[in-house]
Amino acid sequence: MASQTLKEQIELLIDLQDKEIAAARIDAELEKMPAQISAMNASLADIETRLEAQKTSLEALKKTYRAQEADIQTNQSRIQKRESQLRSVKTNQEYRALLKEIADIKAANSGIEDNMLQCLDDMETAEKQIAELNREYRQEQTQITEKQAEMEAHAESQRKVRDQLLAEREEIMQHIHADMLKRYNFVKQQTSGLKVIVAAREAICMGCNMNIPPQLYNELHRGDELKFCPHCHRMLYVL
């Protein structure tokens, strides 16, 4: 293989590698997008969960308030009944007993009313929190919708770039000698998709940063034969 031909083949391999690396980067970016979208949706779901919890809490407070209202009404009926009975008692003992019962019921009502006031405060707080969470939910939902649209547009654009890179890769492969391409693919398998062909600079392999033996470095400069790093086994070329 003539020196010029080897040089041309190496340039083609470098170009091939650049296309593959660029396409792989796009694939890696695209692969991350579902997880990113899932994370955004999880954030929205968290707001929704908190919103539902607040709504449940508010409904419980309303139920408690209605029960307390019913208790007040029941006690008021009891008070009216006892007050009516006062007019028909025959002894002081019965009179005092009824007065005490009426006082106890009124005291119970007073306590219930205090609880109702606290319940109203809690309901107001819950309603404010629900309104805030609704606002936060709508805002987050809008942002996610916009972000997902941007991401999908970017993904579509990147897919086109990747497809173009892969088409150019196929075209380049048509001009690379079969044995050279076979060696390239073999090294690619051994390096787990890392760079296959790397520069040698000042007797150092730019792939593994190890020193290249002087004789090999000199032979590499002659450019009459394909050389490999003795440490990482990548293809070498001189800058």
C-alpha atoms as a PDB file:
ATOM      1  CA  MET A   1       0.000   0.000   0.000  1.00  0.00           C
ATOM      2  CA  ALA A   2       1.578   3.327  -1.095  1.00  0.00           C
ATOM      3  CA  SER A   3       2.211   6.042   1.483  1.00  0.00           C
ATOM      4  CA  GLN A   4      -0.241   8.440  -0.117  1.00  0.00           C
ATOM      5  CA  THR A   5      -2.865   5.746  -0.298  1.00  0.00           C
ATOM      6  CA  LEU A   6      -2.342   4.887   3.373  1.00  0.00           C
ATOM      7  CA  LYS A   7      -2.593   8.560   4.268  1.00  0.00           C
ATOM      8  CA  GLU A   8      -5.836   8.851   2.339  1.00  0.00           C
ATOM      9  CA  GLN A   9      -7.216   5.738   4.005  1.00  0.00           C
ATOM     10  CA  ILE A  10      -6.322   7.052   7.445  1.00  0.00           C
ATOM     11  CA  GLU A  11      -8.006  10.366   6.650  1.00  0.00           C
ATOM     12  CA  LEU A  12     -11.116   8.448   5.613  1.00  0.00           C
ATOM     13  CA  LEU A  13     -11.021   6.430   8.843  1.00  0.00           C
ATOM     14  CA  ILE A  14     -10.691   9.603  10.893  1.00  0.00           C
ATOM     15  CA  ASP A  15     -13.669  11.091   9.045  1.00  0.00           C
ATOM     16  CA  LEU A  16     -15.611   7.847   9.522  1.00  0.00           C
ATOM     17  CA  GLN A  17     -14.855   7.883  13.233  1.00  0.00           C
ATOM     18  CA  ASP A  18     -15.912  11.531  13.560  1.00  0.00           C
ATOM     19  CA  LYS A  19     -19.279  10.724  11.958  1.00  0.00           C
ATOM     20  CA  GLU A  20     -19.791   7.717  14.241  1.00  0.00           C
ATOM     21  CA  ILE A  21     -18.876   9.654  17.384  1.00  0.00           C
ATOM     22  CA  ALA A  22     -21.181  12.541  16.440  1.00  0.00           C
ATOM     23  CA  ALA A  23     -24.056  10.119  15.710  1.00  0.00           C
ATOM     24  CA  ALA A  24     -23.426   8.248  18.979  1.00  0.00           C
ATOM     25  CA  ARG A  25     -23.554  11.512  20.938  1.00  0.00           C
ATOM     26  CA  ILE A  26     -26.915  12.311  19.385  1.00  0.00           C
ATOM     27  CA  ASP A  27     -28.187   8.815  20.217  1.00  0.00           C
ATOM     28  CA  ALA A  28     -27.017   9.232  23.820  1.00  0.00           C
ATOM     29  CA  GLU A  29     -28.825  12.573  24.050  1.00  0.00           C
ATOM     30  CA  LEU A  30     -32.009  11.122  22.574  1.00  0.00           C
ATOM     31  CA  GLU A  31     -31.892   8.169  24.964  1.00  0.00           C
ATOM     32  CA  LYS A  32     -31.924  10.553  27.940  1.00  0.00           C
ATOM     33  CA  MET A  33     -35.076  12.352  26.840  1.00  0.00           C
ATOM     34  CA  PRO A  34     -37.678   9.792  28.035  1.00  0.00           C
ATOM     35  CA  ALA A  35     -36.153   9.886  31.537  1.00  0.00           C
ATOM     36  CA  GLN A  36     -36.146  13.702  31.468  1.00  0.00           C
ATOM     37  CA  ILE A  37     -39.797  13.768  30.429  1.00  0.00           C
ATOM     38  CA  SER A  38     -40.617  11.171  33.080  1.00  0.00           C
ATOM     39  CA  ALA A  39     -38.917  13.327  35.737  1.00  0.00           C
ATOM     40  CA  MET A  40     -40.965  16.354  34.677  1.00  0.00           C
ATOM     41  CA  ASN A  41     -44.181  14.347  34.781  1.00  0.00           C
ATOM     42  CA  ALA A  42     -43.213  13.011  38.206  1.00  0.00           C
ATOM     43  CA  SER A  43     -42.866  16.589  39.438  1.00  0.00           C
ATOM     44  CA  LEU A  44     -46.350  17.355  38.129  1.00  0.00           C
ATOM     45  CA  ALA A  45     -47.714  14.170  39.714  1.00  0.00           C
ATOM     46  CA  ASP A  46     -46.209  15.214  43.058  1.00  0.00           C
ATOM     47  CA  ILE A  47     -48.106  18.499  42.934  1.00  0.00           C
ATOM     48  CA  GLU A  48     -51.255  16.608  41.993  1.00  0.00           C
ATOM     49  CA  THR A  49     -50.773  14.231  44.934  1.00  0.00           C
ATOM     50  CA  ARG A  50     -50.375  17.134  47.354  1.00  0.00           C
ATOM     51  CA  LEU A  51     -53.399  18.834  45.822  1.00  0.00           C
ATOM     52  CA  GLU A  52     -55.556  15.738  46.265  1.00  0.00           C
ATOM     53  CA  ALA A  53     -54.343  15.385  49.866  1.00  0.00           C
ATOM     54  CA  GLN A  54     -55.375  18.976  50.596  1.00  0.00           C
ATOM     55  CA  LYS A  55     -58.776  18.441  48.986  1.00  0.00           C
ATOM     56  CA  THR A  56     -59.282  15.315  51.082  1.00  0.00           C
ATOM     57  CA  SER A  57     -58.260  17.234  54.191  1.00  0.00           C
ATOM     58  CA  LEU A  58     -60.684  20.050  53.336  1.00  0.00           C
ATOM     59  CA  GLU A  59     -63.539  17.599  52.832  1.00  0.00           C
ATOM     60  CA  ALA A  60     -62.757  16.025  56.211  1.00  0.00           C
ATOM     61  CA  LEU A  61     -62.813  19.471  57.838  1.00  0.00           C
ATOM     62  CA  LYS A  62     -66.149  20.273  56.206  1.00  0.00           C
ATOM     63  CA  LYS A  63     -67.551  16.968  57.409  1.00  0.00           C
ATOM     64  CA  THR A  64     -66.335  17.700  60.927  1.00  0.00           C
ATOM     65  CA  TYR A  65     -67.828  21.198  60.779  1.00  0.00           C
ATOM     66  CA  ARG A  66     -71.207  19.843  59.651  1.00  0.00           C
ATOM     67  CA  ALA A  67     -71.150  17.267  62.468  1.00  0.00           C
ATOM     68  CA  GLN A  68     -70.378  20.021  64.977  1.00  0.00           C
ATOM     69  CA  GLU A  69     -73.247  22.110  63.602  1.00  0.00           C
ATOM     70  CA  ALA A  70     -75.536  19.121  64.078  1.00  0.00           C
ATOM     71  CA  ASP A  71     -74.263  18.704  67.650  1.00  0.00           C
ATOM     72  CA  ILE A  72     -74.987  22.375  68.372  1.00  0.00           C
ATOM     73  CA  GLN A  73     -78.509  22.034  67.025  1.00  0.00           C
ATOM     74  CA  THR A  74     -79.096  18.866  69.036  1.00  0.00           C
ATOM     75  CA  ASN A  75     -77.841  20.564  72.179  1.00  0.00           C
ATOM     76  CA  GLN A  76     -79.982  23.631  71.530  1.00  0.00           C
ATOM     77  CA  SER A  77     -83.026  21.346  71.315  1.00  0.00           C
ATOM     78  CA  ARG A  78     -81.986  19.724  74.585  1.00  0.00           C
ATOM     79  CA  ILE A  79     -81.627  23.139  76.224  1.00  0.00           C
ATOM     80  CA  GLN A  80     -85.087  24.206  75.023  1.00  0.00           C
ATOM     81  CA  LYS A  81     -86.559  20.942  76.310  1.00  0.00           C
ATOM     82  CA  ARG A  82     -84.903  21.324  79.722  1.00  0.00           C
ATOM     83  CA  GLU A  83     -85.962  24.968  79.963  1.00  0.00           C
ATOM     84  CA  SER A  84     -89.522  23.877  79.223  1.00  0.00           C
ATOM     85  CA  GLN A  85     -89.254  21.257  81.953  1.00  0.00           C
ATOM     86  CA  LEU A  86     -88.211  23.912  84.451  1.00  0.00           C
ATOM     87  CA  ARG A  87     -91.738  25.254  84.473  1.00  0.00           C
ATOM     88  CA  SER A  88     -93.183  21.941  85.607  1.00  0.00           C
ATOM     89  CA  VAL A  89     -90.665  20.744  88.254  1.00  0.00           C
ATOM     90  CA  LYS A  90     -92.044  20.207  91.747  1.00  0.00           C
ATOM     91  CA  THR A  91     -88.892  20.278  93.894  1.00  0.00           C
ATOM     92  CA  ASN A  92     -85.847  22.504  94.279  1.00  0.00           C
ATOM     93  CA  GLN A  93     -83.631  19.489  93.793  1.00  0.00           C
ATOM     94  CA  GLU A  94     -85.140  18.759  90.371  1.00  0.00           C
ATOM     95  CA  TYR A  95     -84.921  22.471  89.508  1.00  0.00           C
ATOM     96  CA  ARG A  96     -81.229  22.661  90.400  1.00  0.00           C
ATOM     97  CA  ALA A  97     -80.527  19.427  88.489  1.00  0.00           C
ATOM     98  CA  LEU A  98     -82.154  20.827  85.371  1.00  0.00           C
ATOM     99  CA  LEU A  99     -80.286  24.130  85.728  1.00  0.00           C
ATOM    100  CA  LYS A 100     -76.998  22.218  86.027  1.00  0.00           C
ATOM    101  CA  GLU A 101     -77.805  20.090  82.992  1.00  0.00           C
ATOM    102  CA  ILE A 102     -78.655  23.223  81.002  1.00  0.00           C
ATOM    103  CA  ALA A 103     -75.379  24.850  82.089  1.00  0.00           C
ATOM    104  CA  ASP A 104     -73.427  21.723  81.148  1.00  0.00           C
ATOM    105  CA  ILE A 105     -75.039  21.611  77.720  1.00  0.00           C
ATOM    106  CA  LYS A 106     -74.293  25.315  77.159  1.00  0.00           C
ATOM    107  CA  ALA A 107     -70.688  24.727  78.243  1.00  0.00           C
ATOM    108  CA  ALA A 108     -70.464  21.826  75.791  1.00  0.00           C
ATOM    109  CA  ASN A 109     -71.859  24.059  73.053  1.00  0.00           C
ATOM    110  CA  SER A 110     -69.301  26.723  73.891  1.00  0.00           C
ATOM    111  CA  GLY A 111     -66.529  24.167  73.451  1.00  0.00           C
ATOM    112  CA  ILE A 112     -68.041  22.979  70.184  1.00  0.00           C
ATOM    113  CA  GLU A 113     -68.265  26.556  68.928  1.00  0.00           C
ATOM    114  CA  ASP A 114     -64.577  27.072  69.726  1.00  0.00           C
ATOM    115  CA  ASN A 115     -63.792  23.942  67.748  1.00  0.00           C
ATOM    116  CA  MET A 116     -65.956  25.187  64.898  1.00  0.00           C
ATOM    117  CA  LEU A 117     -64.056  28.474  64.799  1.00  0.00           C
ATOM    118  CA  GLN A 118     -60.777  26.558  64.653  1.00  0.00           C
ATOM    119  CA  CYS A 119     -62.250  24.343  61.960  1.00  0.00           C
ATOM    120  CA  LEU A 120     -63.200  27.417  59.939  1.00  0.00           C
ATOM    121  CA  ASP A 121     -59.635  28.726  60.241  1.00  0.00           C
ATOM    122  CA  ASP A 122     -58.286  25.345  59.124  1.00  0.00           C
ATOM    123  CA  MET A 123     -60.714  25.269  56.211  1.00  0.00           C
ATOM    124  CA  GLU A 124     -59.632  28.737  55.123  1.00  0.00           C
ATOM    125  CA  THR A 125     -55.978  27.689  55.283  1.00  0.00           C
ATOM    126  CA  ALA A 126     -56.708  24.513  53.304  1.00  0.00           C
ATOM    127  CA  GLU A 127     -58.613  26.480  50.645  1.00  0.00           C
ATOM    128  CA  LYS A 128     -55.675  28.894  50.268  1.00  0.00           C
ATOM    129  CA  GLN A 129     -53.271  25.977  49.942  1.00  0.00           C
ATOM    130  CA  ILE A 130     -55.526  24.355  47.349  1.00  0.00           C
ATOM    131  CA  ALA A 131     -55.677  27.593  45.370  1.00  0.00           C
ATOM    132  CA  GLU A 132     -51.869  27.891  45.535  1.00  0.00           C
ATOM    133  CA  LEU A 133     -51.370  24.273  44.478  1.00  0.00           C
ATOM    134  CA  ASN A 134     -53.829  24.722  41.619  1.00  0.00           C
ATOM    135  CA  ARG A 135     -51.857  27.736  40.467  1.00  0.00           C
ATOM    136  CA  GLU A 136     -48.577  25.824  40.833  1.00  0.00           C
ATOM    137  CA  TYR A 137     -50.049  22.848  38.951  1.00  0.00           C
ATOM    138  CA  ARG A 138     -51.238  24.968  36.026  1.00  0.00           C
ATOM    139  CA  GLN A 139     -47.907  26.781  35.851  1.00  0.00           C
ATOM    140  CA  GLU A 140     -45.927  23.536  35.991  1.00  0.00           C
ATOM    141  CA  GLN A 141     -48.193  21.907  33.426  1.00  0.00           C
ATOM    142  CA  THR A 142     -47.724  24.822  31.021  1.00  0.00           C
ATOM    143  CA  GLN A 143     -43.962  24.772  31.465  1.00  0.00           C
ATOM    144  CA  ILE A 144     -43.806  21.011  30.943  1.00  0.00           C
ATOM    145  CA  THR A 145     -45.959  21.186  27.822  1.00  0.00           C
ATOM    146  CA  GLU A 146     -43.745  23.910  26.379  1.00  0.00           C
ATOM    147  CA  LYS A 147     -40.556  22.096  27.387  1.00  0.00           C
ATOM    148  CA  GLN A 148     -41.713  18.795  25.918  1.00  0.00           C
ATOM    149  CA  ALA A 149     -42.609  20.517  22.661  1.00  0.00           C
ATOM    150  CA  GLU A 150     -39.147  22.104  22.564  1.00  0.00           C
ATOM    151  CA  MET A 151     -37.514  18.766  23.351  1.00  0.00           C
ATOM    152  CA  GLU A 152     -39.467  16.937  20.651  1.00  0.00           C
ATOM    153  CA  ALA A 153     -38.614  19.602  18.076  1.00  0.00           C
ATOM    154  CA  HIS A 154     -34.952  19.388  19.084  1.00  0.00           C
ATOM    155  CA  ALA A 155     -35.084  15.581  18.996  1.00  0.00           C
ATOM    156  CA  GLU A 156     -36.569  15.601  15.498  1.00  0.00           C
ATOM    157  CA  SER A 157     -33.861  17.991  14.347  1.00  0.00           C
ATOM    158  CA  GLN A 158     -31.162  15.828  15.924  1.00  0.00           C
ATOM    159  CA  ARG A 159     -32.586  12.679  14.322  1.00  0.00           C
ATOM    160  CA  LYS A 160     -32.219  14.319  10.928  1.00  0.00           C
ATOM    161  CA  VAL A 161     -28.634  15.282  11.746  1.00  0.00           C
ATOM    162  CA  ARG A 162     -27.924  11.730  12.906  1.00  0.00           C
ATOM    163  CA  ASP A 163     -29.471  10.248   9.765  1.00  0.00           C
ATOM    164  CA  GLN A 164     -27.330  12.551   7.657  1.00  0.00           C
ATOM    165  CA  LEU A 165     -24.215  11.544   9.590  1.00  0.00           C
ATOM    166  CA  LEU A 166     -25.005   7.870   9.119  1.00  0.00           C
ATOM    167  CA  ALA A 167     -25.613   8.410   5.406  1.00  0.00           C
ATOM    168  CA  GLU A 168     -22.237  10.154   5.128  1.00  0.00           C
ATOM    169  CA  ARG A 169     -20.689   7.297   7.117  1.00  0.00           C
ATOM    170  CA  GLU A 170     -22.034   4.783   4.611  1.00  0.00           C
ATOM    171  CA  GLU A 171     -20.620   6.855   1.755  1.00  0.00           C
ATOM    172  CA  ILE A 172     -17.191   7.035   3.416  1.00  0.00           C
ATOM    173  CA  MET A 173     -17.163   3.287   4.001  1.00  0.00           C
ATOM    174  CA  GLN A 174     -17.488   2.749   0.244  1.00  0.00           C
ATOM    175  CA  HIS A 175     -14.009   4.297  -0.209  1.00  0.00           C
ATOM    176  CA  ILE A 176     -12.207   2.441   2.565  1.00  0.00           C
ATOM    177  CA  HIS A 177     -10.344  -0.751   1.673  1.00  0.00           C
ATOM    178  CA  ALA A 178     -12.072  -3.860   2.999  1.00  0.00           C
ATOM    179  CA  ASP A 179      -9.032  -5.010   5.013  1.00  0.00           C
ATOM    180  CA  MET A 180      -8.613  -1.556   6.547  1.00  0.00           C
ATOM    181  CA  LEU A 181     -12.302  -1.419   7.473  1.00  0.00           C
ATOM    182  CA  LYS A 182     -12.090  -4.901   8.931  1.00  0.00           C
ATOM    183  CA  ARG A 183      -9.189  -3.852  11.160  1.00  0.00           C
ATOM    184  CA  TYR A 184     -11.032  -0.695  12.165  1.00  0.00           C
ATOM    185  CA  ASN A 185     -14.164  -2.632  13.184  1.00  0.00           C
ATOM    186  CA  PHE A 186     -12.091  -5.203  15.053  1.00  0.00           C
ATOM    187  CA  VAL A 187     -10.356  -2.520  17.120  1.00  0.00           C
ATOM    188  CA  LYS A 188     -13.722  -0.817  17.719  1.00  0.00           C
ATOM    189  CA  GLN A 189     -15.049  -4.024  19.231  1.00  0.00           C
ATOM    190  CA  GLN A 190     -11.965  -4.344  21.433  1.00  0.00           C
ATOM    191  CA  THR A 191     -12.205  -0.750  22.667  1.00  0.00           C
ATOM    192  CA  SER A 192     -15.944  -0.961  23.474  1.00  0.00           C
ATOM    193  CA  GLY A 193     -16.879   1.864  21.151  1.00  0.00           C
ATOM    194  CA  LEU A 194     -14.143   4.278  22.259  1.00  0.00           C
ATOM    195  CA  LYS A 195     -11.940   6.008  19.711  1.00  0.00           C
ATOM    196  CA  VAL A 196     -10.403   3.523  17.303  1.00  0.00           C
ATOM    197  CA  ILE A 197      -7.890   5.687  15.486  1.00  0.00           C
ATOM    198  CA  VAL A 198      -5.965   8.308  17.459  1.00  0.00           C
ATOM    199  CA  ALA A 199      -3.117  10.716  16.958  1.00  0.00           C
ATOM    200  CA  ALA A 200       0.410  10.215  18.200  1.00  0.00           C
ATOM    201  CA  ARG A 201       2.016  13.398  19.433  1.00  0.00           C
ATOM    202  CA  GLU A 202       5.590  13.676  20.677  1.00  0.00           C
ATOM    203  CA  ALA A 203       5.817   9.882  20.957  1.00  0.00           C
ATOM    204  CA  ILE A 204       2.660   9.705  23.104  1.00  0.00           C
ATOM    205  CA  CYS A 205      -0.554   7.910  22.144  1.00  0.00           C
ATOM    206  CA  MET A 206      -3.415  10.365  22.513  1.00  0.00           C
ATOM    207  CA  GLY A 207      -5.760   7.464  23.169  1.00  0.00           C
ATOM    208  CA  CYS A 208      -4.160   6.073  26.321  1.00  0.00           C
ATOM    209  CA  ASN A 209      -1.498   8.765  27.011  1.00  0.00           C
ATOM    210  CA  MET A 210       1.247   6.137  27.089  1.00  0.00           C
ATOM    211  CA  ASN A 211       4.702   6.527  25.528  1.00  0.00           C
ATOM    212  CA  ILE A 212       5.217   4.920  22.151  1.00  0.00           C
ATOM    213  CA  PRO A 213       8.564   3.111  21.603  1.00  0.00           C
ATOM    214  CA  PRO A 214      10.954   5.331  19.607  1.00  0.00           C
ATOM    215  CA  GLN A 215      11.330   2.809  16.785  1.00  0.00           C
ATOM    216  CA  LEU A 216       7.551   2.521  16.380  1.00  0.00           C
ATOM    217  CA  TYR A 217       7.224   6.295  16.443  1.00  0.00           C
ATOM    218  CA  ASN A 218       9.846   6.637  13.721  1.00  0.00           C
ATOM    219  CA  GLU A 219       8.097   3.980  11.617  1.00  0.00           C
ATOM    220  CA  LEU A 220       4.836   5.801  12.123  1.00  0.00           C
ATOM    221  CA  HIS A 221       6.391   8.957  10.683  1.00  0.00           C
ATOM    222  CA  ARG A 222       7.453   7.090   7.551  1.00  0.00           C
ATOM    223  CA  GLY A 223       3.790   6.420   6.874  1.00  0.00           C
ATOM    224  CA  ASP A 224       4.317   3.288   4.823  1.00  0.00           C
ATOM    225  CA  GLU A 225       2.471   0.860   7.099  1.00  0.00           C
ATOM    226  CA  LEU A 226      -0.498   0.969   9.464  1.00  0.00           C
ATOM    227  CA  LYS A 227       0.679   1.011  13.088  1.00  0.00           C
ATOM    228  CA  PHE A 228      -1.030   0.261  16.381  1.00  0.00           C
ATOM    229  CA  CYS A 229      -0.408   1.460  19.927  1.00  0.00           C
ATOM    230  CA  PRO A 230       1.306  -1.378  21.841  1.00  0.00           C
ATOM    231  CA  HIS A 231      -0.649  -0.412  24.983  1.00  0.00           C
ATOM    232  CA  CYS A 232      -4.264   0.256  23.948  1.00  0.00           C
ATOM    233  CA  HIS A 233      -4.004  -1.314  20.464  1.00  0.00           C
ATOM    234  CA  ARG A 234      -5.658   1.607  18.727  1.00  0.00           C
ATOM    235  CA  MET A 235      -4.729   2.620  15.212  1.00  0.00           C
ATOM    236  CA  LEU A 236      -2.209   5.438  15.154  1.00  0.00           C
ATOM    237  CA  TYR A 237      -1.504   8.403  12.906  1.00  0.00           C
ATOM    238  CA  VAL A 238       0.860  11.362  13.184  1.00  0.00           C
ATOM    239  CA  LEU A 239      -0.440  14.893  13.462  1.00  0.00           C
END
